[in-house]
Amino acid sequence: MNTPHRVGEVGVVFRATLKDQDGVLVDISAATTLELRFYGPQGQRRQVGAAFPAGEDGSQARLEGVTIAGTINEAGIWRWQAHAAGPGFDWFSDDASFVAEANF
């Protein structure tokens, strides 16, 4: 797990790289769906739109998304995963986790 986050944080950038089952980077330049999926401590799911990092076109297999109001709405352990889909492909990144701490 990485550095703790706070409930209600907005503007946190999450970045992911997508690979196939053999660990090879996948070209997601033709993707029509780019998103990050967040799974909260109680099982709720939140999605935020994602995009290719500045200067990239998807052939580098990377995408990033930014949290918006309501994305991280509960203290506890969160999981997240990137998703890219397009004609003939539907790729997911490995999932990762982080702790969201309550505000006082």
N, C-alpha and C. Protein backbone atom coordinates (compact mmCIF):
# COMPACT_ATOMS: atom_id res chain seq x y z
N MET A 1 0.83 -1.18 0.00
CA MET A 1 0.00 0.00 0.00
C MET A 1 0.88 1.25 0.00
N ASN A 2 0.37 2.27 -0.59
CA ASN A 2 1.12 3.51 -0.72
C ASN A 2 0.78 4.48 0.41
N THR A 3 1.22 5.70 0.25
CA THR A 3 0.95 6.76 1.21
C THR A 3 -0.56 6.87 1.43
N PRO A 4 -0.99 7.04 2.67
CA PRO A 4 -2.43 7.16 2.93
C PRO A 4 -3.02 8.38 2.24
N HIS A 5 -4.27 8.24 1.87
CA HIS A 5 -5.05 9.33 1.32
C HIS A 5 -6.07 9.73 2.36
N ARG A 6 -6.84 10.76 2.07
CA ARG A 6 -7.89 11.24 2.98
C ARG A 6 -9.25 11.12 2.32
N VAL A 7 -10.25 10.81 3.13
CA VAL A 7 -11.62 10.80 2.64
C VAL A 7 -11.92 12.19 2.07
N GLY A 8 -12.52 12.21 0.90
CA GLY A 8 -12.90 13.47 0.27
C GLY A 8 -11.84 14.11 -0.59
N GLU A 9 -10.65 13.51 -0.68
CA GLU A 9 -9.61 14.10 -1.52
C GLU A 9 -10.08 14.22 -2.96
N VAL A 10 -9.78 15.36 -3.56
CA VAL A 10 -10.11 15.62 -4.95
C VAL A 10 -8.82 15.99 -5.67
N GLY A 11 -8.69 15.53 -6.89
CA GLY A 11 -7.52 15.89 -7.69
C GLY A 11 -6.33 14.98 -7.54
N VAL A 12 -6.50 13.82 -6.91
CA VAL A 12 -5.40 12.87 -6.78
C VAL A 12 -5.27 12.10 -8.09
N VAL A 13 -4.08 12.08 -8.65
CA VAL A 13 -3.84 11.41 -9.92
C VAL A 13 -3.41 9.96 -9.67
N PHE A 14 -4.11 9.04 -10.31
CA PHE A 14 -3.75 7.63 -10.27
C PHE A 14 -3.31 7.24 -11.67
N ARG A 15 -2.19 6.55 -11.78
CA ARG A 15 -1.64 6.13 -13.07
C ARG A 15 -1.48 4.62 -13.10
N ALA A 16 -1.72 4.05 -14.28
CA ALA A 16 -1.60 2.59 -14.43
C ALA A 16 -1.02 2.25 -15.78
N THR A 17 -0.42 1.09 -15.85
CA THR A 17 0.09 0.53 -17.09
C THR A 17 -0.62 -0.80 -17.30
N LEU A 18 -1.12 -1.02 -18.50
CA LEU A 18 -1.85 -2.24 -18.80
C LEU A 18 -0.98 -3.23 -19.56
N LYS A 19 -1.04 -4.49 -19.13
CA LYS A 19 -0.24 -5.56 -19.73
C LYS A 19 -1.12 -6.78 -19.97
N ASP A 20 -0.71 -7.60 -20.91
CA ASP A 20 -1.45 -8.84 -21.13
C ASP A 20 -1.04 -9.90 -20.10
N GLN A 21 -1.59 -11.10 -20.23
CA GLN A 21 -1.34 -12.17 -19.26
C GLN A 21 0.12 -12.60 -19.21
N ASP A 22 0.89 -12.24 -20.24
CA ASP A 22 2.31 -12.58 -20.25
C ASP A 22 3.19 -11.42 -19.79
N GLY A 23 2.56 -10.34 -19.34
CA GLY A 23 3.32 -9.19 -18.87
C GLY A 23 3.79 -8.25 -19.96
N VAL A 24 3.24 -8.40 -21.16
CA VAL A 24 3.63 -7.56 -22.30
C VAL A 24 2.70 -6.35 -22.37
N LEU A 25 3.28 -5.16 -22.56
CA LEU A 25 2.47 -3.95 -22.69
C LEU A 25 1.49 -4.09 -23.84
N VAL A 26 0.28 -3.56 -23.66
CA VAL A 26 -0.74 -3.64 -24.70
C VAL A 26 -1.01 -2.25 -25.28
N ASP A 27 -1.29 -2.21 -26.56
CA ASP A 27 -1.60 -0.95 -27.24
C ASP A 27 -3.08 -0.65 -27.01
N ILE A 28 -3.37 0.46 -26.33
CA ILE A 28 -4.76 0.83 -26.04
C ILE A 28 -5.15 2.10 -26.80
N SER A 29 -4.41 2.42 -27.87
CA SER A 29 -4.66 3.67 -28.59
C SER A 29 -6.04 3.73 -29.22
N ALA A 30 -6.67 2.60 -29.53
CA ALA A 30 -8.00 2.59 -30.14
C ALA A 30 -9.12 2.48 -29.10
N ALA A 31 -8.79 2.64 -27.83
CA ALA A 31 -9.79 2.48 -26.77
C ALA A 31 -10.91 3.51 -26.89
N THR A 32 -12.12 3.03 -26.68
CA THR A 32 -13.29 3.91 -26.61
C THR A 32 -13.77 4.06 -25.17
N THR A 33 -13.27 3.21 -24.29
CA THR A 33 -13.55 3.30 -22.85
C THR A 33 -12.23 3.37 -22.12
N LEU A 34 -12.04 4.42 -21.35
CA LEU A 34 -10.87 4.58 -20.48
C LEU A 34 -11.40 5.02 -19.13
N GLU A 35 -11.14 4.22 -18.10
CA GLU A 35 -11.67 4.54 -16.78
C GLU A 35 -10.81 3.94 -15.69
N LEU A 36 -10.98 4.49 -14.49
CA LEU A 36 -10.43 3.90 -13.28
C LEU A 36 -11.61 3.45 -12.44
N ARG A 37 -11.50 2.27 -11.87
CA ARG A 37 -12.54 1.74 -11.00
C ARG A 37 -11.99 1.68 -9.58
N PHE A 38 -12.74 2.24 -8.67
CA PHE A 38 -12.37 2.25 -7.25
C PHE A 38 -13.38 1.40 -6.49
N TYR A 39 -12.88 0.52 -5.63
CA TYR A 39 -13.72 -0.36 -4.84
C TYR A 39 -13.51 -0.03 -3.36
N GLY A 40 -14.57 0.45 -2.71
CA GLY A 40 -14.46 0.91 -1.33
C GLY A 40 -14.47 -0.20 -0.31
N PRO A 41 -14.23 0.17 0.95
CA PRO A 41 -14.16 -0.81 2.04
C PRO A 41 -15.44 -1.63 2.21
N GLN A 42 -16.58 -1.06 1.87
CA GLN A 42 -17.85 -1.77 2.02
C GLN A 42 -18.33 -2.37 0.70
N GLY A 43 -17.45 -2.38 -0.32
CA GLY A 43 -17.79 -3.01 -1.59
C GLY A 43 -18.39 -2.09 -2.63
N GLN A 44 -18.60 -0.82 -2.29
CA GLN A 44 -19.15 0.09 -3.28
C GLN A 44 -18.14 0.35 -4.39
N ARG A 45 -18.65 0.65 -5.57
CA ARG A 45 -17.76 0.89 -6.71
C ARG A 45 -17.97 2.30 -7.24
N ARG A 46 -16.87 2.97 -7.49
CA ARG A 46 -16.88 4.30 -8.08
C ARG A 46 -16.03 4.25 -9.33
N GLN A 47 -16.40 5.02 -10.33
CA GLN A 47 -15.64 5.09 -11.56
C GLN A 47 -15.31 6.54 -11.87
N VAL A 48 -14.14 6.77 -12.39
CA VAL A 48 -13.78 8.09 -12.90
C VAL A 48 -13.19 7.90 -14.30
N GLY A 49 -13.41 8.88 -15.14
CA GLY A 49 -12.86 8.82 -16.48
C GLY A 49 -11.34 8.89 -16.44
N ALA A 50 -10.74 8.33 -17.44
CA ALA A 50 -9.28 8.33 -17.53
C ALA A 50 -8.88 8.80 -18.93
N ALA A 51 -7.61 9.06 -19.10
CA ALA A 51 -7.07 9.51 -20.38
C ALA A 51 -5.62 9.05 -20.49
N PHE A 52 -5.07 9.20 -21.68
CA PHE A 52 -3.65 8.92 -21.85
C PHE A 52 -2.87 10.06 -21.22
N PRO A 53 -1.74 9.79 -20.61
CA PRO A 53 -0.91 10.87 -20.07
C PRO A 53 -0.52 11.87 -21.18
N ALA A 54 -0.26 13.08 -20.79
CA ALA A 54 0.11 14.14 -21.74
C ALA A 54 1.24 13.66 -22.65
N GLY A 55 1.07 13.88 -23.94
CA GLY A 55 2.10 13.52 -24.90
C GLY A 55 2.10 12.07 -25.34
N GLU A 56 1.17 11.26 -24.81
CA GLU A 56 1.10 9.86 -25.19
C GLU A 56 -0.17 9.59 -25.99
N ASP A 57 -0.17 8.49 -26.74
CA ASP A 57 -1.30 8.17 -27.60
C ASP A 57 -1.94 6.81 -27.30
N GLY A 58 -1.54 6.18 -26.23
CA GLY A 58 -2.10 4.88 -25.86
C GLY A 58 -1.25 3.70 -26.28
N SER A 59 -0.34 3.91 -27.21
CA SER A 59 0.51 2.79 -27.62
C SER A 59 1.51 2.42 -26.53
N GLN A 60 1.67 3.29 -25.54
CA GLN A 60 2.58 3.03 -24.41
C GLN A 60 1.88 2.28 -23.28
N ALA A 61 0.58 1.99 -23.45
CA ALA A 61 -0.20 1.17 -22.50
C ALA A 61 -0.48 1.86 -21.18
N ARG A 62 -0.32 3.18 -21.12
CA ARG A 62 -0.54 3.88 -19.86
C ARG A 62 -1.80 4.75 -19.93
N LEU A 63 -2.43 4.87 -18.77
CA LEU A 63 -3.54 5.81 -18.64
C LEU A 63 -3.53 6.36 -17.23
N GLU A 64 -4.26 7.47 -17.06
CA GLU A 64 -4.34 8.10 -15.74
C GLU A 64 -5.72 8.72 -15.56
N GLY A 65 -6.11 8.83 -14.31
CA GLY A 65 -7.37 9.44 -13.96
C GLY A 65 -7.20 10.23 -12.68
N VAL A 66 -8.13 11.14 -12.44
CA VAL A 66 -8.05 12.05 -11.30
C VAL A 66 -9.32 11.90 -10.47
N THR A 67 -9.16 11.78 -9.16
CA THR A 67 -10.33 11.66 -8.30
C THR A 67 -11.16 12.94 -8.34
N ILE A 68 -12.47 12.75 -8.26
CA ILE A 68 -13.42 13.86 -8.22
C ILE A 68 -14.18 13.78 -6.90
N ALA A 69 -14.98 14.77 -6.61
CA ALA A 69 -15.77 14.77 -5.38
C ALA A 69 -16.60 13.48 -5.30
N GLY A 70 -16.55 12.82 -4.16
CA GLY A 70 -17.32 11.61 -3.94
C GLY A 70 -16.62 10.32 -4.31
N THR A 71 -15.45 10.40 -4.93
CA THR A 71 -14.75 9.16 -5.31
C THR A 71 -14.31 8.40 -4.06
N ILE A 72 -13.53 9.05 -3.22
CA ILE A 72 -13.05 8.42 -1.97
C ILE A 72 -13.91 8.97 -0.84
N ASN A 73 -14.95 8.24 -0.50
CA ASN A 73 -15.95 8.77 0.43
C ASN A 73 -16.05 8.02 1.75
N GLU A 74 -15.10 7.14 2.01
CA GLU A 74 -15.16 6.34 3.22
C GLU A 74 -13.76 5.96 3.67
N ALA A 75 -13.54 5.96 4.97
CA ALA A 75 -12.25 5.56 5.52
C ALA A 75 -12.11 4.04 5.41
N GLY A 76 -10.89 3.60 5.20
CA GLY A 76 -10.61 2.17 5.14
C GLY A 76 -9.70 1.83 3.98
N ILE A 77 -9.62 0.55 3.66
CA ILE A 77 -8.76 0.08 2.58
C ILE A 77 -9.55 0.07 1.28
N TRP A 78 -9.02 0.76 0.30
CA TRP A 78 -9.62 0.84 -1.04
C TRP A 78 -8.76 0.06 -2.02
N ARG A 79 -9.40 -0.47 -3.06
CA ARG A 79 -8.70 -1.08 -4.19
C ARG A 79 -9.06 -0.28 -5.43
N TRP A 80 -8.16 -0.28 -6.40
CA TRP A 80 -8.47 0.39 -7.65
C TRP A 80 -7.82 -0.34 -8.81
N GLN A 81 -8.37 -0.10 -10.00
CA GLN A 81 -7.92 -0.80 -11.19
C GLN A 81 -8.26 0.06 -12.41
N ALA A 82 -7.36 0.06 -13.38
CA ALA A 82 -7.61 0.77 -14.64
C ALA A 82 -8.26 -0.17 -15.64
N HIS A 83 -9.08 0.41 -16.53
CA HIS A 83 -9.79 -0.38 -17.54
C HIS A 83 -9.76 0.36 -18.87
N ALA A 84 -9.41 -0.34 -19.93
CA ALA A 84 -9.43 0.21 -21.28
C ALA A 84 -10.08 -0.82 -22.19
N ALA A 85 -11.06 -0.37 -22.98
CA ALA A 85 -11.74 -1.28 -23.90
C ALA A 85 -11.92 -0.59 -25.24
N GLY A 86 -11.91 -1.38 -26.28
CA GLY A 86 -12.11 -0.87 -27.63
C GLY A 86 -12.41 -2.02 -28.56
N PRO A 87 -12.34 -1.77 -29.86
CA PRO A 87 -12.65 -2.83 -30.83
C PRO A 87 -11.73 -4.04 -30.66
N GLY A 88 -12.30 -5.13 -30.20
CA GLY A 88 -11.54 -6.38 -30.08
C GLY A 88 -10.69 -6.51 -28.84
N PHE A 89 -10.78 -5.58 -27.89
CA PHE A 89 -10.00 -5.74 -26.66
C PHE A 89 -10.72 -5.17 -25.45
N ASP A 90 -10.39 -5.71 -24.31
CA ASP A 90 -10.96 -5.29 -23.02
C ASP A 90 -9.89 -5.59 -21.97
N TRP A 91 -9.07 -4.59 -21.63
CA TRP A 91 -7.91 -4.79 -20.77
C TRP A 91 -8.12 -4.16 -19.39
N PHE A 92 -7.58 -4.82 -18.38
CA PHE A 92 -7.59 -4.32 -17.02
C PHE A 92 -6.16 -4.32 -16.49
N SER A 93 -5.83 -3.32 -15.69
CA SER A 93 -4.52 -3.32 -15.03
C SER A 93 -4.57 -4.25 -13.83
N ASP A 94 -3.41 -4.54 -13.27
CA ASP A 94 -3.39 -5.20 -11.97
C ASP A 94 -4.07 -4.26 -10.99
N ASP A 95 -4.68 -4.83 -9.97
CA ASP A 95 -5.29 -3.94 -8.99
C ASP A 95 -4.25 -3.53 -7.95
N ALA A 96 -4.52 -2.41 -7.31
CA ALA A 96 -3.65 -1.88 -6.27
C ALA A 96 -4.54 -1.42 -5.12
N SER A 97 -3.95 -1.16 -3.98
CA SER A 97 -4.75 -0.72 -2.84
C SER A 97 -4.10 0.46 -2.15
N PHE A 98 -4.93 1.17 -1.40
CA PHE A 98 -4.45 2.29 -0.60
C PHE A 98 -5.37 2.45 0.60
N VAL A 99 -4.89 3.15 1.60
CA VAL A 99 -5.69 3.44 2.79
C VAL A 99 -6.22 4.86 2.68
N ALA A 100 -7.50 5.02 2.97
CA ALA A 100 -8.11 6.34 3.07
C ALA A 100 -8.38 6.60 4.55
N GLU A 101 -7.76 7.63 5.07
CA GLU A 101 -7.93 7.97 6.48
C GLU A 101 -9.07 8.97 6.65
N ALA A 102 -9.75 8.87 7.79
CA ALA A 102 -10.86 9.78 8.09
C ALA A 102 -10.29 11.16 8.43
N ASN A 103 -11.10 12.17 8.19
CA ASN A 103 -10.77 13.52 8.60
C ASN A 103 -11.36 13.79 9.97
N PHE A 104 -10.74 14.65 10.73
CA PHE A 104 -11.21 14.95 12.08
C PHE A 104 -11.89 16.29 12.12
